[in-house]
C-alpha atoms as a PDB file:
ATOM      1  CA  MET A   1     117.573 137.276  93.734  1.00  0.00           C
ATOM      2  CA  ARG A   2     114.441 136.815  95.743  1.00  0.00           C
ATOM      3  CA  ALA A   3     112.780 133.843  94.389  1.00  0.00           C
ATOM      4  CA  GLY A   4     109.549 134.165  96.191  1.00  0.00           C
ATOM      5  CA  ARG A   5     107.696 132.565  99.573  1.00  0.00           C
ATOM      6  CA  LEU A   6     108.984 129.408 100.813  1.00  0.00           C
ATOM      7  CA  GLU A   7     105.461 128.163 100.576  1.00  0.00           C
ATOM      8  CA  GLU A   8     105.437 128.632  96.993  1.00  0.00           C
ATOM      9  CA  PHE A   9     108.009 125.818  96.425  1.00  0.00           C
ATOM     10  CA  SER A  10     107.482 122.005  96.368  1.00  0.00           C
ATOM     11  CA  GLU A  11     109.125 118.962  94.930  1.00  0.00           C
ATOM     12  CA  LYS A  12     108.224 120.258  91.498  1.00  0.00           C
ATOM     13  CA  PRO A  13     110.820 122.728  90.300  1.00  0.00           C
ATOM     14  CA  LYS A  14     109.603 126.218  89.776  1.00  0.00           C
ATOM     15  CA  VAL A  15     111.371 128.399  87.434  1.00  0.00           C
ATOM     16  CA  VAL A  16     112.119 131.746  88.549  1.00  0.00           C
ATOM     17  CA  VAL A  17     113.346 134.828  86.678  1.00  0.00           C
ATOM     18  CA  ALA A  18     115.022 138.134  87.770  1.00  0.00           C
ATOM     19  CA  GLY A  19     116.974 140.580  85.960  1.00  0.00           C
ATOM     20  CA  GLY A  20     117.008 138.046  82.874  1.00  0.00           C
ATOM     21  CA  ARG A  21     118.438 135.697  84.646  1.00  0.00           C
ATOM     22  CA  HIS A  22     116.629 132.265  85.724  1.00  0.00           C
ATOM     23  CA  CYS A  23     116.757 129.115  87.475  1.00  0.00           C
ATOM     24  CA  ALA A  24     114.864 126.367  89.021  1.00  0.00           C
ATOM     25  CA  VAL A  25     113.685 126.286  92.588  1.00  0.00           C
ATOM     26  CA  ALA A  26     112.363 123.186  94.653  1.00  0.00           C
ATOM     27  CA  ARG A  27     111.919 122.479  98.257  1.00  0.00           C
ATOM     28  CA  LEU A  28     111.870 119.018  99.678  1.00  0.00           C
ATOM     29  CA  GLY A  29     110.793 118.956 103.427  1.00  0.00           C
ATOM     30  CA  GLY A  30     112.783 121.648 105.274  1.00  0.00           C
ATOM     31  CA  SER A  31     115.601 122.071 102.386  1.00  0.00           C
ATOM     32  CA  VAL A  32     115.559 124.431  99.349  1.00  0.00           C
ATOM     33  CA  TYR A  33     117.430 123.787  96.098  1.00  0.00           C
ATOM     34  CA  ALA A  34     118.304 125.903  93.301  1.00  0.00           C
ATOM     35  CA  PHE A  35     119.813 124.864  89.974  1.00  0.00           C
ATOM     36  CA  GLU A  36     120.009 125.412  86.450  1.00  0.00           C
ATOM     37  CA  SER A  37     116.325 125.226  84.643  1.00  0.00           C
ATOM     38  CA  LEU A  38     117.334 123.181  81.851  1.00  0.00           C
ATOM     39  CA  CYS A  39     118.160 119.242  82.040  1.00  0.00           C
ATOM     40  CA  PRO A  40     122.249 119.621  81.507  1.00  0.00           C
ATOM     41  CA  HIS A  41     121.845 116.429  79.308  1.00  0.00           C
ATOM     42  CA  ALA A  42     119.055 117.300  76.595  1.00  0.00           C
ATOM     43  CA  LYS A  43     118.152 120.956  77.739  1.00  0.00           C
ATOM     44  CA  TRP A  44     114.311 119.954  78.606  1.00  0.00           C
ATOM     45  CA  PRO A  45     112.810 122.404  80.869  1.00  0.00           C
ATOM     46  CA  LEU A  46     113.028 121.175  84.463  1.00  0.00           C
ATOM     47  CA  GLY A  47     110.052 123.295  85.373  1.00  0.00           C
ATOM     48  CA  PHE A  48     107.739 120.919  83.341  1.00  0.00           C
ATOM     49  CA  ILE A  49     109.402 117.607  83.489  1.00  0.00           C
ATOM     50  CA  GLY A  50     111.328 117.671  86.783  1.00  0.00           C
ATOM     51  CA  ARG A  51     110.935 116.309  90.167  1.00  0.00           C
ATOM     52  CA  VAL A  52     113.086 116.220  93.450  1.00  0.00           C
ATOM     53  CA  PHE A  53     112.756 113.329  95.744  1.00  0.00           C
ATOM     54  CA  LEU A  54     115.364 111.639  98.238  1.00  0.00           C
ATOM     55  CA  ASN A  55     116.923 108.496  97.314  1.00  0.00           C
ATOM     56  CA  ARG A  56     117.521 105.480  99.436  1.00  0.00           C
ATOM     57  CA  GLU A  57     120.293 106.678 101.318  1.00  0.00           C
ATOM     58  CA  GLY A  58     118.568 110.213 101.753  1.00  0.00           C
ATOM     59  CA  ARG A  59     120.279 112.150  99.238  1.00  0.00           C
ATOM     60  CA  PRO A  60     118.397 115.090  97.550  1.00  0.00           C
ATOM     61  CA  MET A  61     117.856 114.003  93.723  1.00  0.00           C
ATOM     62  CA  LEU A  62     116.513 115.756  90.950  1.00  0.00           C
ATOM     63  CA  LEU A  63     114.608 113.569  87.945  1.00  0.00           C
ATOM     64  CA  CYS A  64     114.236 114.757  84.638  1.00  0.00           C
ATOM     65  CA  ALA A  65     111.498 112.507  83.450  1.00  0.00           C
ATOM     66  CA  MET A  66     112.184 112.844  79.520  1.00  0.00           C
ATOM     67  CA  HIS A  67     114.808 110.510  79.636  1.00  0.00           C
ATOM     68  CA  GLY A  68     115.198 109.644  82.983  1.00  0.00           C
ATOM     69  CA  GLY A  69     118.256 111.404  83.875  1.00  0.00           C
ATOM     70  CA  VAL A  70     119.024 111.614  87.760  1.00  0.00           C
ATOM     71  CA  TRP A  71     121.193 114.535  89.431  1.00  0.00           C
ATOM     72  CA  ASP A  72     122.328 114.556  93.236  1.00  0.00           C
ATOM     73  CA  LEU A  73     121.585 118.004  94.129  1.00  0.00           C
ATOM     74  CA  VAL A  74     124.522 118.168  96.860  1.00  0.00           C
ATOM     75  CA  SER A  75     127.341 117.033  94.437  1.00  0.00           C
ATOM     76  CA  GLY A  76     125.868 118.119  90.982  1.00  0.00           C
ATOM     77  CA  GLU A  77     126.653 114.632  89.587  1.00  0.00           C
ATOM     78  CA  GLY A  78     124.341 112.915  87.529  1.00  0.00           C
ATOM     79  CA  SER A  79     123.718 109.961  85.018  1.00  0.00           C
ATOM     80  CA  VAL A  80     121.247 109.147  82.081  1.00  0.00           C
ATOM     81  CA  GLU A  81     120.165 105.512  81.746  1.00  0.00           C
ATOM     82  CA  GLY A  82     123.405 104.417  84.024  1.00  0.00           C
ATOM     83  CA  LYS A  83     125.676 106.600  81.967  1.00  0.00           C
ATOM     84  CA  PRO A  84     127.519 109.575  83.340  1.00  0.00           C
ATOM     85  CA  ALA A  85     125.871 112.912  82.427  1.00  0.00           C
ATOM     86  CA  PRO A  86     127.093 116.500  82.602  1.00  0.00           C
ATOM     87  CA  PRO A  87     126.871 117.826  85.863  1.00  0.00           C
ATOM     88  CA  ILE A  88     123.958 120.328  87.033  1.00  0.00           C
ATOM     89  CA  ARG A  89     124.625 123.762  87.946  1.00  0.00           C
ATOM     90  CA  ARG A  90     123.523 124.441  91.467  1.00  0.00           C
ATOM     91  CA  TYR A  91     123.183 127.974  93.541  1.00  0.00           C
ATOM     92  CA  PRO A  92     123.385 128.998  96.647  1.00  0.00           C
ATOM     93  CA  VAL A  93     120.019 129.292  98.558  1.00  0.00           C
ATOM     94  CA  GLU A  94     119.174 131.401 101.744  1.00  0.00           C
ATOM     95  CA  VAL A  95     115.566 131.447 103.268  1.00  0.00           C
ATOM     96  CA  VAL A  96     115.263 134.851 105.427  1.00  0.00           C
ATOM     97  CA  ASP A  97     111.962 135.782 107.030  1.00  0.00           C
ATOM     98  CA  GLY A  98     110.157 132.926 104.782  1.00  0.00           C
ATOM     99  CA  ASP A  99     111.598 134.482 101.604  1.00  0.00           C
ATOM    100  CA  VAL A 100     113.693 132.303  99.448  1.00  0.00           C
ATOM    101  CA  HIS A 101     117.065 134.020  97.982  1.00  0.00           C
ATOM    102  CA  VAL A 102     118.924 132.721  95.351  1.00  0.00           C
ATOM    103  CA  ARG A 103     122.417 133.874  94.368  1.00  0.00           C
ATOM    104  CA  LEU A 104     123.037 133.303  90.860  1.00  0.00           C
END
């Protein structure tokens, strides 16, 4: 699905919907990430309370500010308050001529 133009995305996840399916998309530097739009821990909407950042090792991470959950956007692994959390579902992303496409 076409999610939008590259410049529409930032470290604050944006929820996109196409054909009744939805996901969250965020951009950090030159990389774009797509993942489920609800926190896998407590189902809070990541479009409102999520933020993408690089950790100390330079890995892209997603923060859910409601309970302090953090997920690795490469592996999908996460934790909440230092305890393992359900993994986050991630989706393949491709940027073509400035358009962001997500494969759901």
